[in-house]
Amino acid sequence: MKVLKPTPAKTVAEPAPVNRRGGMLQFEARDVTGTHVLEARNVQPATPAGAVASALASRMALPANVPWIIRDDSTGAVLEEEKPIGDQIETGAKVVLSPKAHLG
């Protein structure tokens, strides 16, 4: 009689998770009126969202004396200025640049 020995199942290599920090972000940005639309490319994920907002406002020739915020168009969430943008949006996102409203 032949002894049957279990053989381990062949494992299929799963693709490695995408490391957002290893690459640059690319996303679409527009101002709140929709007048200016641009494709932001090669944005470092570690850059604070507030710095990205200022750079986008400058590229759109928006007033420099106004503080700007970024809102994720898909969720409506306002990005936190101090947090890295790569922790808050993914490549391919659509964002809206709006003046920061100081309410109260």
N, C-alpha and C. Protein backbone atom coordinates (compact mmCIF):
# COMPACT_ATOMS: atom_id res chain seq x y z
N MET A 1 0.85 -1.17 0.00
CA MET A 1 0.00 0.00 0.00
C MET A 1 0.90 1.24 0.00
N LYS A 2 0.51 2.23 -0.79
CA LYS A 2 1.29 3.45 -0.92
C LYS A 2 0.81 4.47 0.10
N VAL A 3 1.76 5.10 0.76
CA VAL A 3 1.43 6.11 1.76
C VAL A 3 1.27 7.45 1.04
N LEU A 4 0.16 8.08 1.31
CA LEU A 4 -0.08 9.39 0.70
C LEU A 4 0.39 10.48 1.65
N LYS A 5 1.20 11.36 1.12
CA LYS A 5 1.68 12.49 1.91
C LYS A 5 1.08 13.77 1.34
N PRO A 6 0.55 14.60 2.21
CA PRO A 6 0.01 15.86 1.69
C PRO A 6 1.13 16.75 1.15
N THR A 7 0.86 17.36 0.05
CA THR A 7 1.83 18.30 -0.51
C THR A 7 1.32 19.71 -0.28
N PRO A 8 2.23 20.59 0.06
CA PRO A 8 1.77 21.97 0.30
C PRO A 8 1.21 22.58 -0.97
N ALA A 9 0.18 23.38 -0.80
CA ALA A 9 -0.44 24.05 -1.94
C ALA A 9 0.54 25.05 -2.52
N LYS A 10 0.52 25.15 -3.83
CA LYS A 10 1.39 26.14 -4.47
C LYS A 10 0.85 27.53 -4.15
N THR A 11 1.76 28.38 -3.75
CA THR A 11 1.35 29.74 -3.43
C THR A 11 1.53 30.62 -4.64
N VAL A 12 0.57 31.46 -4.85
CA VAL A 12 0.63 32.42 -5.93
C VAL A 12 1.07 33.74 -5.33
N ALA A 13 2.10 34.28 -5.89
CA ALA A 13 2.61 35.54 -5.37
C ALA A 13 1.59 36.65 -5.61
N GLU A 14 1.24 37.32 -4.52
CA GLU A 14 0.32 38.44 -4.63
C GLU A 14 1.10 39.69 -4.97
N PRO A 15 0.51 40.58 -5.73
CA PRO A 15 1.24 41.81 -6.04
C PRO A 15 1.50 42.59 -4.76
N ALA A 16 2.65 43.21 -4.73
CA ALA A 16 3.01 44.02 -3.57
C ALA A 16 2.09 45.22 -3.49
N PRO A 17 1.73 45.63 -2.27
CA PRO A 17 0.88 46.81 -2.16
C PRO A 17 1.58 48.04 -2.74
N VAL A 18 0.79 48.91 -3.32
CA VAL A 18 1.34 50.13 -3.90
C VAL A 18 1.77 51.04 -2.76
N ASN A 19 2.99 51.51 -2.83
CA ASN A 19 3.51 52.41 -1.82
C ASN A 19 3.35 53.84 -2.32
N ARG A 20 2.38 54.56 -1.77
CA ARG A 20 2.12 55.93 -2.21
C ARG A 20 3.33 56.83 -1.94
N ARG A 21 4.03 56.56 -0.88
CA ARG A 21 5.15 57.42 -0.51
C ARG A 21 6.31 57.29 -1.49
N GLY A 22 6.37 56.15 -2.21
CA GLY A 22 7.47 55.94 -3.13
C GLY A 22 7.31 56.72 -4.42
N GLY A 23 6.09 57.16 -4.73
CA GLY A 23 5.85 57.86 -5.99
C GLY A 23 5.27 59.23 -5.76
N MET A 24 5.10 59.93 -6.85
CA MET A 24 4.54 61.27 -6.78
C MET A 24 3.04 61.21 -7.02
N LEU A 25 2.34 62.21 -6.52
CA LEU A 25 0.90 62.30 -6.71
C LEU A 25 0.58 63.07 -7.99
N GLN A 26 -0.53 62.72 -8.58
CA GLN A 26 -1.07 63.45 -9.72
C GLN A 26 -2.56 63.56 -9.49
N PHE A 27 -3.10 64.77 -9.61
CA PHE A 27 -4.53 64.98 -9.38
C PHE A 27 -5.00 66.21 -10.13
N GLU A 28 -6.33 66.32 -10.27
CA GLU A 28 -6.91 67.48 -10.94
C GLU A 28 -7.33 68.49 -9.88
N ALA A 29 -7.00 69.74 -10.11
CA ALA A 29 -7.38 70.81 -9.18
C ALA A 29 -8.12 71.90 -9.95
N ARG A 30 -9.15 72.45 -9.30
CA ARG A 30 -9.87 73.59 -9.89
C ARG A 30 -10.18 74.57 -8.78
N ASP A 31 -10.39 75.82 -9.17
CA ASP A 31 -10.80 76.79 -8.17
C ASP A 31 -12.29 76.64 -7.93
N VAL A 32 -12.79 77.28 -6.90
CA VAL A 32 -14.18 77.10 -6.48
C VAL A 32 -15.18 77.55 -7.54
N THR A 33 -14.78 78.47 -8.40
CA THR A 33 -15.69 78.93 -9.46
C THR A 33 -15.63 78.06 -10.70
N GLY A 34 -14.62 77.20 -10.80
CA GLY A 34 -14.45 76.36 -11.97
C GLY A 34 -13.78 77.09 -13.12
N THR A 35 -13.34 78.32 -12.88
CA THR A 35 -12.69 79.12 -13.92
C THR A 35 -11.31 78.56 -14.27
N HIS A 36 -10.58 78.14 -13.26
CA HIS A 36 -9.23 77.61 -13.46
C HIS A 36 -9.23 76.12 -13.15
N VAL A 37 -8.72 75.33 -14.07
CA VAL A 37 -8.58 73.88 -13.87
C VAL A 37 -7.18 73.51 -14.33
N LEU A 38 -6.49 72.73 -13.52
CA LEU A 38 -5.16 72.28 -13.92
C LEU A 38 -4.90 70.87 -13.43
N GLU A 39 -3.95 70.23 -14.07
CA GLU A 39 -3.51 68.89 -13.67
C GLU A 39 -2.25 69.08 -12.84
N ALA A 40 -2.33 68.76 -11.56
CA ALA A 40 -1.16 68.84 -10.69
C ALA A 40 -0.40 67.53 -10.83
N ARG A 41 0.87 67.62 -11.21
CA ARG A 41 1.69 66.43 -11.42
C ARG A 41 2.95 66.51 -10.58
N ASN A 42 3.50 65.35 -10.27
CA ASN A 42 4.76 65.24 -9.54
C ASN A 42 4.74 65.98 -8.20
N VAL A 43 3.61 65.85 -7.50
CA VAL A 43 3.48 66.46 -6.18
C VAL A 43 4.01 65.45 -5.15
N GLN A 44 4.94 65.89 -4.34
CA GLN A 44 5.51 65.00 -3.33
C GLN A 44 4.45 64.71 -2.26
N PRO A 45 4.20 63.44 -1.98
CA PRO A 45 3.16 63.08 -1.02
C PRO A 45 3.41 63.63 0.39
N ALA A 46 4.65 63.89 0.74
CA ALA A 46 4.97 64.37 2.08
C ALA A 46 4.75 65.87 2.26
N THR A 47 4.42 66.58 1.18
CA THR A 47 4.21 68.02 1.26
C THR A 47 2.92 68.32 2.01
N PRO A 48 2.97 69.25 2.98
CA PRO A 48 1.74 69.61 3.69
C PRO A 48 0.69 70.17 2.73
N ALA A 49 -0.57 69.83 2.97
CA ALA A 49 -1.66 70.26 2.10
C ALA A 49 -1.74 71.78 2.00
N GLY A 50 -1.42 72.50 3.07
CA GLY A 50 -1.44 73.96 3.04
C GLY A 50 -0.44 74.53 2.05
N ALA A 51 0.74 73.93 1.98
CA ALA A 51 1.76 74.38 1.02
C ALA A 51 1.32 74.07 -0.40
N VAL A 52 0.68 72.94 -0.61
CA VAL A 52 0.17 72.59 -1.94
C VAL A 52 -0.92 73.58 -2.34
N ALA A 53 -1.79 73.94 -1.40
CA ALA A 53 -2.86 74.90 -1.69
C ALA A 53 -2.27 76.24 -2.13
N SER A 54 -1.25 76.71 -1.44
CA SER A 54 -0.61 77.98 -1.82
C SER A 54 0.02 77.90 -3.20
N ALA A 55 0.68 76.77 -3.49
CA ALA A 55 1.32 76.61 -4.79
C ALA A 55 0.28 76.55 -5.91
N LEU A 56 -0.81 75.84 -5.67
CA LEU A 56 -1.87 75.77 -6.68
C LEU A 56 -2.49 77.14 -6.92
N ALA A 57 -2.73 77.89 -5.85
CA ALA A 57 -3.30 79.24 -6.00
C ALA A 57 -2.38 80.13 -6.83
N SER A 58 -1.09 80.00 -6.60
CA SER A 58 -0.12 80.78 -7.36
C SER A 58 -0.16 80.40 -8.84
N ARG A 59 -0.20 79.10 -9.14
CA ARG A 59 -0.25 78.64 -10.53
C ARG A 59 -1.53 79.07 -11.23
N MET A 60 -2.61 79.24 -10.45
CA MET A 60 -3.89 79.66 -11.03
C MET A 60 -4.02 81.18 -11.07
N ALA A 61 -2.98 81.88 -10.62
CA ALA A 61 -2.97 83.34 -10.56
C ALA A 61 -4.11 83.87 -9.69
N LEU A 62 -4.37 83.18 -8.58
CA LEU A 62 -5.38 83.63 -7.62
C LEU A 62 -4.71 84.58 -6.63
N PRO A 63 -5.47 85.42 -5.94
CA PRO A 63 -4.88 86.40 -5.02
C PRO A 63 -3.95 85.75 -3.98
N ALA A 64 -2.76 86.32 -3.84
CA ALA A 64 -1.76 85.80 -2.91
C ALA A 64 -2.06 86.18 -1.46
N ASN A 65 -2.88 87.21 -1.25
CA ASN A 65 -3.16 87.67 0.11
C ASN A 65 -4.35 86.95 0.75
N VAL A 66 -4.81 85.89 0.11
CA VAL A 66 -5.95 85.12 0.61
C VAL A 66 -5.46 83.74 1.02
N PRO A 67 -5.80 83.27 2.23
CA PRO A 67 -5.44 81.89 2.58
C PRO A 67 -6.35 80.90 1.84
N TRP A 68 -5.77 79.82 1.32
CA TRP A 68 -6.51 78.85 0.51
C TRP A 68 -6.53 77.49 1.18
N ILE A 69 -7.63 76.76 0.96
CA ILE A 69 -7.76 75.39 1.45
C ILE A 69 -8.06 74.47 0.28
N ILE A 70 -7.84 73.18 0.49
CA ILE A 70 -8.15 72.18 -0.53
C ILE A 70 -9.27 71.30 0.00
N ARG A 71 -10.26 71.07 -0.85
CA ARG A 71 -11.37 70.18 -0.51
C ARG A 71 -11.37 69.02 -1.49
N ASP A 72 -11.48 67.80 -0.96
CA ASP A 72 -11.58 66.61 -1.79
C ASP A 72 -12.97 66.59 -2.41
N ASP A 73 -13.04 66.61 -3.73
CA ASP A 73 -14.33 66.71 -4.42
C ASP A 73 -15.19 65.47 -4.22
N SER A 74 -14.59 64.31 -4.06
CA SER A 74 -15.39 63.08 -3.93
C SER A 74 -16.02 62.92 -2.55
N THR A 75 -15.35 63.43 -1.52
CA THR A 75 -15.88 63.27 -0.15
C THR A 75 -16.40 64.56 0.45
N GLY A 76 -15.97 65.69 -0.10
CA GLY A 76 -16.35 66.98 0.47
C GLY A 76 -15.49 67.37 1.65
N ALA A 77 -14.55 66.51 2.04
CA ALA A 77 -13.71 66.79 3.21
C ALA A 77 -12.68 67.86 2.89
N VAL A 78 -12.48 68.76 3.84
CA VAL A 78 -11.43 69.76 3.73
C VAL A 78 -10.15 69.13 4.23
N LEU A 79 -9.09 69.23 3.44
CA LEU A 79 -7.82 68.63 3.84
C LEU A 79 -7.19 69.44 4.97
N GLU A 80 -6.57 68.72 5.89
CA GLU A 80 -5.88 69.38 7.00
C GLU A 80 -4.58 69.98 6.49
N GLU A 81 -4.38 71.27 6.76
CA GLU A 81 -3.25 72.01 6.22
C GLU A 81 -1.89 71.44 6.61
N GLU A 82 -1.76 70.96 7.83
CA GLU A 82 -0.47 70.52 8.34
C GLU A 82 -0.12 69.10 7.92
N LYS A 83 -1.13 68.29 7.60
CA LYS A 83 -0.89 66.89 7.27
C LYS A 83 -0.40 66.74 5.83
N PRO A 84 0.45 65.74 5.59
CA PRO A 84 0.91 65.50 4.21
C PRO A 84 -0.27 65.23 3.28
N ILE A 85 -0.20 65.81 2.10
CA ILE A 85 -1.30 65.64 1.15
C ILE A 85 -1.45 64.17 0.74
N GLY A 86 -0.35 63.43 0.70
CA GLY A 86 -0.39 62.03 0.32
C GLY A 86 -1.12 61.15 1.32
N ASP A 87 -1.30 61.64 2.54
CA ASP A 87 -2.06 60.91 3.55
C ASP A 87 -3.55 61.20 3.45
N GLN A 88 -3.92 62.17 2.60
CA GLN A 88 -5.31 62.61 2.56
C GLN A 88 -6.01 62.37 1.23
N ILE A 89 -5.24 62.30 0.14
CA ILE A 89 -5.84 62.01 -1.17
C ILE A 89 -4.97 61.00 -1.90
N GLU A 90 -5.54 60.40 -2.91
CA GLU A 90 -4.85 59.44 -3.76
C GLU A 90 -4.59 60.06 -5.13
N THR A 91 -3.67 59.46 -5.85
CA THR A 91 -3.46 59.87 -7.24
C THR A 91 -4.77 59.71 -8.00
N GLY A 92 -5.07 60.67 -8.85
CA GLY A 92 -6.31 60.65 -9.62
C GLY A 92 -7.46 61.38 -8.96
N ALA A 93 -7.24 61.89 -7.76
CA ALA A 93 -8.30 62.61 -7.05
C ALA A 93 -8.64 63.91 -7.78
N LYS A 94 -9.81 64.43 -7.49
CA LYS A 94 -10.21 65.74 -7.97
C LYS A 94 -10.43 66.60 -6.74
N VAL A 95 -9.78 67.76 -6.72
CA VAL A 95 -9.87 68.65 -5.56
C VAL A 95 -10.30 70.03 -6.00
N VAL A 96 -10.83 70.77 -5.03
CA VAL A 96 -11.29 72.14 -5.26
C VAL A 96 -10.51 73.06 -4.33
N LEU A 97 -9.98 74.13 -4.87
CA LEU A 97 -9.27 75.14 -4.11
C LEU A 97 -10.26 76.24 -3.75
N SER A 98 -10.40 76.51 -2.45
CA SER A 98 -11.37 77.50 -1.98
C SER A 98 -10.70 78.46 -1.01
N PRO A 99 -11.21 79.69 -0.94
CA PRO A 99 -10.70 80.61 0.07
C PRO A 99 -11.06 80.08 1.45
N LYS A 100 -10.13 80.24 2.38
CA LYS A 100 -10.40 79.78 3.74
C LYS A 100 -11.33 80.78 4.41
N ALA A 101 -12.47 80.28 4.87
CA ALA A 101 -13.45 81.14 5.54
C ALA A 101 -13.21 81.09 7.04
N HIS A 102 -13.00 82.23 7.62
CA HIS A 102 -12.80 82.33 9.07
C HIS A 102 -14.14 82.67 9.70
N LEU A 103 -14.85 81.62 10.07
CA LEU A 103 -16.18 81.83 10.63
C LEU A 103 -16.14 81.71 12.16
N GLY A 104 -16.12 82.82 12.77
CA GLY A 104 -16.21 82.86 14.24
C GLY A 104 -15.00 82.63 14.93
